[in-house]
Amino acid sequence: MESIGVYTVCSKFNIPCVGIRIISNNELLNEMLDKSKATKLQELLFNLILFKAL
């Protein structure tokens, strides 16, 4: 839901964008929060941004 504002602005200025979301737990299945998923996503995004910046 929050990404629609970003997509709208980027679209108006012809700037490509991508939204990456993570679901860290599931209340329906009583899954425990797995912080390692968030850490792995942060590492992936950091490497992606760093690679693009070079």
PDB file of N, CA and C in Angstrom:
ATOM      1  N   MET A   1       0.813  -1.185   0.000  1.00  0.00           N
ATOM      2  CA  MET A   1       0.000   0.000   0.000  1.00  0.00           C
ATOM      3  C   MET A   1       0.862   1.257   0.000  1.00  0.00           C
ATOM      4  N   GLU A   2       1.902   1.298   0.793  1.00  0.00           N
ATOM      5  CA  GLU A   2       2.722   2.495   0.908  1.00  0.00           C
ATOM      6  C   GLU A   2       3.491   2.768  -0.374  1.00  0.00           C
ATOM      7  N   SER A   3       3.752   1.737  -1.137  1.00  0.00           N
ATOM      8  CA  SER A   3       4.569   1.883  -2.342  1.00  0.00           C
ATOM      9  C   SER A   3       3.855   2.632  -3.457  1.00  0.00           C
ATOM     10  N   ILE A   4       2.535   2.689  -3.437  1.00  0.00           N
ATOM     11  CA  ILE A   4       1.809   3.325  -4.531  1.00  0.00           C
ATOM     12  C   ILE A   4       2.175   4.799  -4.678  1.00  0.00           C
ATOM     13  N   GLY A   5       2.437   5.481  -3.564  1.00  0.00           N
ATOM     14  CA  GLY A   5       2.860   6.882  -3.631  1.00  0.00           C
ATOM     15  C   GLY A   5       4.204   7.022  -4.316  1.00  0.00           C
ATOM     16  N   VAL A   6       5.121   6.127  -3.993  1.00  0.00           N
ATOM     17  CA  VAL A   6       6.447   6.141  -4.620  1.00  0.00           C
ATOM     18  C   VAL A   6       6.318   5.849  -6.107  1.00  0.00           C
ATOM     19  N   TYR A   7       5.534   4.835  -6.459  1.00  0.00           N
ATOM     20  CA  TYR A   7       5.352   4.483  -7.860  1.00  0.00           C
ATOM     21  C   TYR A   7       4.717   5.628  -8.642  1.00  0.00           C
ATOM     22  N   THR A   8       3.761   6.315  -8.036  1.00  0.00           N
ATOM     23  CA  THR A   8       3.084   7.424  -8.703  1.00  0.00           C
ATOM     24  C   THR A   8       4.062   8.556  -9.016  1.00  0.00           C
ATOM     25  N   VAL A   9       4.858   8.944  -8.036  1.00  0.00           N
ATOM     26  CA  VAL A   9       5.826  10.021  -8.240  1.00  0.00           C
ATOM     27  C   VAL A   9       6.879   9.601  -9.259  1.00  0.00           C
ATOM     28  N   CYS A  10       7.401   8.395  -9.133  1.00  0.00           N
ATOM     29  CA  CYS A  10       8.405   7.917 -10.076  1.00  0.00           C
ATOM     30  C   CYS A  10       7.846   7.871 -11.495  1.00  0.00           C
ATOM     31  N   SER A  11       6.621   7.449 -11.625  1.00  0.00           N
ATOM     32  CA  SER A  11       5.982   7.384 -12.933  1.00  0.00           C
ATOM     33  C   SER A  11       5.865   8.772 -13.554  1.00  0.00           C
ATOM     34  N   LYS A  12       5.486   9.752 -12.771  1.00  0.00           N
ATOM     35  CA  LYS A  12       5.344  11.131 -13.272  1.00  0.00           C
ATOM     36  C   LYS A  12       6.671  11.684 -13.779  1.00  0.00           C
ATOM     37  N   PHE A  13       7.782  11.273 -13.167  1.00  0.00           N
ATOM     38  CA  PHE A  13       9.102  11.771 -13.541  1.00  0.00           C
ATOM     39  C   PHE A  13       9.891  10.766 -14.387  1.00  0.00           C
ATOM     40  N   ASN A  14       9.213   9.698 -14.840  1.00  0.00           N
ATOM     41  CA  ASN A  14       9.846   8.655 -15.659  1.00  0.00           C
ATOM     42  C   ASN A  14      11.096   8.068 -14.998  1.00  0.00           C
ATOM     43  N   ILE A  15      10.977   7.783 -13.721  1.00  0.00           N
ATOM     44  CA  ILE A  15      12.075   7.184 -12.962  1.00  0.00           C
ATOM     45  C   ILE A  15      11.683   5.742 -12.620  1.00  0.00           C
ATOM     46  N   PRO A  16      12.498   4.757 -13.016  1.00  0.00           N
ATOM     47  CA  PRO A  16      12.165   3.372 -12.673  1.00  0.00           C
ATOM     48  C   PRO A  16      12.315   3.135 -11.171  1.00  0.00           C
ATOM     49  N   CYS A  17      11.476   2.287 -10.643  1.00  0.00           N
ATOM     50  CA  CYS A  17      11.569   1.939  -9.224  1.00  0.00           C
ATOM     51  C   CYS A  17      11.084   0.511  -9.027  1.00  0.00           C
ATOM     52  N   VAL A  18      11.454  -0.028  -7.887  1.00  0.00           N
ATOM     53  CA  VAL A  18      11.023  -1.378  -7.544  1.00  0.00           C
ATOM     54  C   VAL A  18      10.728  -1.404  -6.048  1.00  0.00           C
ATOM     55  N   GLY A  19       9.704  -2.119  -5.671  1.00  0.00           N
ATOM     56  CA  GLY A  19       9.374  -2.281  -4.258  1.00  0.00           C
ATOM     57  C   GLY A  19       9.711  -3.690  -3.809  1.00  0.00           C
ATOM     58  N   ILE A  20      10.447  -3.790  -2.724  1.00  0.00           N
ATOM     59  CA  ILE A  20      10.814  -5.098  -2.183  1.00  0.00           C
ATOM     60  C   ILE A  20      10.263  -5.181  -0.771  1.00  0.00           C
ATOM     61  N   ARG A  21       9.476  -6.185  -0.511  1.00  0.00           N
ATOM     62  CA  ARG A  21       8.850  -6.346   0.801  1.00  0.00           C
ATOM     63  C   ARG A  21       9.206  -7.716   1.349  1.00  0.00           C
ATOM     64  N   ILE A  22       9.138  -7.818   2.643  1.00  0.00           N
ATOM     65  CA  ILE A  22       9.400  -9.104   3.291  1.00  0.00           C
ATOM     66  C   ILE A  22       8.297  -9.378   4.303  1.00  0.00           C
ATOM     67  N   ILE A  23       7.849 -10.593   4.334  1.00  0.00           N
ATOM     68  CA  ILE A  23       6.918 -11.033   5.368  1.00  0.00           C
ATOM     69  C   ILE A  23       7.734 -11.876   6.329  1.00  0.00           C
ATOM     70  N   SER A  24       7.918 -11.365   7.529  1.00  0.00           N
ATOM     71  CA  SER A  24       8.842 -12.019   8.449  1.00  0.00           C
ATOM     72  C   SER A  24       8.180 -13.104   9.310  1.00  0.00           C
ATOM     73  N   ASN A  25       6.875 -13.037   9.446  1.00  0.00           N
ATOM     74  CA  ASN A  25       6.185 -14.084  10.211  1.00  0.00           C
ATOM     75  C   ASN A  25       4.746 -14.178   9.725  1.00  0.00           C
ATOM     76  N   ASN A  26       4.044 -15.187  10.161  1.00  0.00           N
ATOM     77  CA  ASN A  26       2.690 -15.422   9.706  1.00  0.00           C
ATOM     78  C   ASN A  26       1.826 -15.751  10.922  1.00  0.00           C
ATOM     79  N   GLU A  27       0.919 -14.854  11.252  1.00  0.00           N
ATOM     80  CA  GLU A  27       0.067 -15.060  12.431  1.00  0.00           C
ATOM     81  C   GLU A  27      -0.891 -16.234  12.261  1.00  0.00           C
ATOM     82  N   LEU A  28      -1.286 -16.513  11.029  1.00  0.00           N
ATOM     83  CA  LEU A  28      -2.216 -17.614  10.793  1.00  0.00           C
ATOM     84  C   LEU A  28      -1.592 -18.970  11.103  1.00  0.00           C
ATOM     85  N   LEU A  29      -0.295 -19.087  10.852  1.00  0.00           N
ATOM     86  CA  LEU A  29       0.401 -20.356  11.089  1.00  0.00           C
ATOM     87  C   LEU A  29       1.179 -20.352  12.390  1.00  0.00           C
ATOM     88  N   ASN A  30       1.066 -19.273  13.169  1.00  0.00           N
ATOM     89  CA  ASN A  30       1.789 -19.117  14.431  1.00  0.00           C
ATOM     90  C   ASN A  30       3.301 -19.285  14.261  1.00  0.00           C
ATOM     91  N   GLU A  31       3.822 -18.756  13.161  1.00  0.00           N
ATOM     92  CA  GLU A  31       5.263 -18.811  12.935  1.00  0.00           C
ATOM     93  C   GLU A  31       5.960 -17.774  13.805  1.00  0.00           C
ATOM     94  N   MET A  32       7.119 -18.121  14.290  1.00  0.00           N
ATOM     95  CA  MET A  32       7.916 -17.190  15.082  1.00  0.00           C
ATOM     96  C   MET A  32       8.631 -16.219  14.158  1.00  0.00           C
ATOM     97  N   LEU A  33       8.921 -15.044  14.673  1.00  0.00           N
ATOM     98  CA  LEU A  33       9.664 -14.047  13.925  1.00  0.00           C
ATOM     99  C   LEU A  33      11.080 -14.551  13.669  1.00  0.00           C
ATOM    100  N   ASP A  34      11.492 -14.512  12.414  1.00  0.00           N
ATOM    101  CA  ASP A  34      12.831 -14.958  12.030  1.00  0.00           C
ATOM    102  C   ASP A  34      13.629 -13.728  11.597  1.00  0.00           C
ATOM    103  N   LYS A  35      14.414 -13.189  12.518  1.00  0.00           N
ATOM    104  CA  LYS A  35      15.172 -11.970  12.247  1.00  0.00           C
ATOM    105  C   LYS A  35      16.230 -12.175  11.171  1.00  0.00           C
ATOM    106  N   SER A  36      16.642 -13.399  10.945  1.00  0.00           N
ATOM    107  CA  SER A  36      17.665 -13.652   9.931  1.00  0.00           C
ATOM    108  C   SER A  36      17.147 -13.306   8.532  1.00  0.00           C
ATOM    109  N   LYS A  37      15.837 -13.416   8.303  1.00  0.00           N
ATOM    110  CA  LYS A  37      15.275 -13.048   7.001  1.00  0.00           C
ATOM    111  C   LYS A  37      15.461 -11.560   6.736  1.00  0.00           C
ATOM    112  N   ALA A  38      15.214 -10.741   7.739  1.00  0.00           N
ATOM    113  CA  ALA A  38      15.390  -9.296   7.586  1.00  0.00           C
ATOM    114  C   ALA A  38      16.858  -8.966   7.370  1.00  0.00           C
ATOM    115  N   THR A  39      17.733  -9.629   8.083  1.00  0.00           N
ATOM    116  CA  THR A  39      19.174  -9.395   7.929  1.00  0.00           C
ATOM    117  C   THR A  39      19.621  -9.770   6.526  1.00  0.00           C
ATOM    118  N   LYS A  40      19.162 -10.900   6.021  1.00  0.00           N
ATOM    119  CA  LYS A  40      19.535 -11.334   4.670  1.00  0.00           C
ATOM    120  C   LYS A  40      19.007 -10.350   3.622  1.00  0.00           C
ATOM    121  N   LEU A  41      17.792  -9.844   3.817  1.00  0.00           N
ATOM    122  CA  LEU A  41      17.237  -8.869   2.883  1.00  0.00           C
ATOM    123  C   LEU A  41      18.044  -7.578   2.913  1.00  0.00           C
ATOM    124  N   GLN A  42      18.440  -7.127   4.094  1.00  0.00           N
ATOM    125  CA  GLN A  42      19.260  -5.925   4.194  1.00  0.00           C
ATOM    126  C   GLN A  42      20.586  -6.107   3.462  1.00  0.00           C
ATOM    127  N   GLU A  43      21.196  -7.258   3.614  1.00  0.00           N
ATOM    128  CA  GLU A  43      22.465  -7.538   2.930  1.00  0.00           C
ATOM    129  C   GLU A  43      22.263  -7.552   1.417  1.00  0.00           C
ATOM    130  N   LEU A  44      21.190  -8.172   0.956  1.00  0.00           N
ATOM    131  CA  LEU A  44      20.902  -8.227  -0.465  1.00  0.00           C
ATOM    132  C   LEU A  44      20.708  -6.826  -1.032  1.00  0.00           C
ATOM    133  N   LEU A  45      19.911  -6.013  -0.360  1.00  0.00           N
ATOM    134  CA  LEU A  45      19.657  -4.656  -0.835  1.00  0.00           C
ATOM    135  C   LEU A  45      20.918  -3.800  -0.796  1.00  0.00           C
ATOM    136  N   PHE A  46      21.707  -3.939   0.249  1.00  0.00           N
ATOM    137  CA  PHE A  46      22.953  -3.185   0.349  1.00  0.00           C
ATOM    138  C   PHE A  46      23.867  -3.522  -0.818  1.00  0.00           C
ATOM    139  N   ASN A  47      24.018  -4.820  -1.106  1.00  0.00           N
ATOM    140  CA  ASN A  47      24.878  -5.243  -2.212  1.00  0.00           C
ATOM    141  C   ASN A  47      24.312  -4.798  -3.559  1.00  0.00           C
ATOM    142  N   LEU A  48      23.008  -4.831  -3.709  1.00  0.00           N
ATOM    143  CA  LEU A  48      22.375  -4.392  -4.951  1.00  0.00           C
ATOM    144  C   LEU A  48      22.606  -2.901  -5.169  1.00  0.00           C
ATOM    145  N   ILE A  49      22.409  -2.101  -4.142  1.00  0.00           N
ATOM    146  CA  ILE A  49      22.603  -0.651  -4.251  1.00  0.00           C
ATOM    147  C   ILE A  49      24.077  -0.327  -4.459  1.00  0.00           C
ATOM    148  N   LEU A  50      24.935  -1.002  -3.742  1.00  0.00           N
ATOM    149  CA  LEU A  50      26.365  -0.762  -3.871  1.00  0.00           C
ATOM    150  C   LEU A  50      26.833  -1.112  -5.287  1.00  0.00           C
ATOM    151  N   PHE A  51      26.358  -2.224  -5.809  1.00  0.00           N
ATOM    152  CA  PHE A  51      26.744  -2.646  -7.156  1.00  0.00           C
ATOM    153  C   PHE A  51      26.267  -1.644  -8.199  1.00  0.00           C
ATOM    154  N   LYS A  52      25.025  -1.156  -8.050  1.00  0.00           N
ATOM    155  CA  LYS A  52      24.459  -0.182  -8.990  1.00  0.00           C
ATOM    156  C   LYS A  52      25.213   1.133  -8.934  1.00  0.00           C
ATOM    157  N   ALA A  53      25.707   1.503  -7.750  1.00  0.00           N
ATOM    158  CA  ALA A  53      26.373   2.785  -7.584  1.00  0.00           C
ATOM    159  C   ALA A  53      27.761   2.777  -8.206  1.00  0.00           C
ATOM    160  N   LEU A  54      28.352   1.616  -8.377  1.00  0.00           N
ATOM    161  CA  LEU A  54      29.716   1.532  -8.921  1.00  0.00           C
ATOM    162  C   LEU A  54      29.732   1.693 -10.397  1.00  0.00           C
TER     163      LEU A  54
END
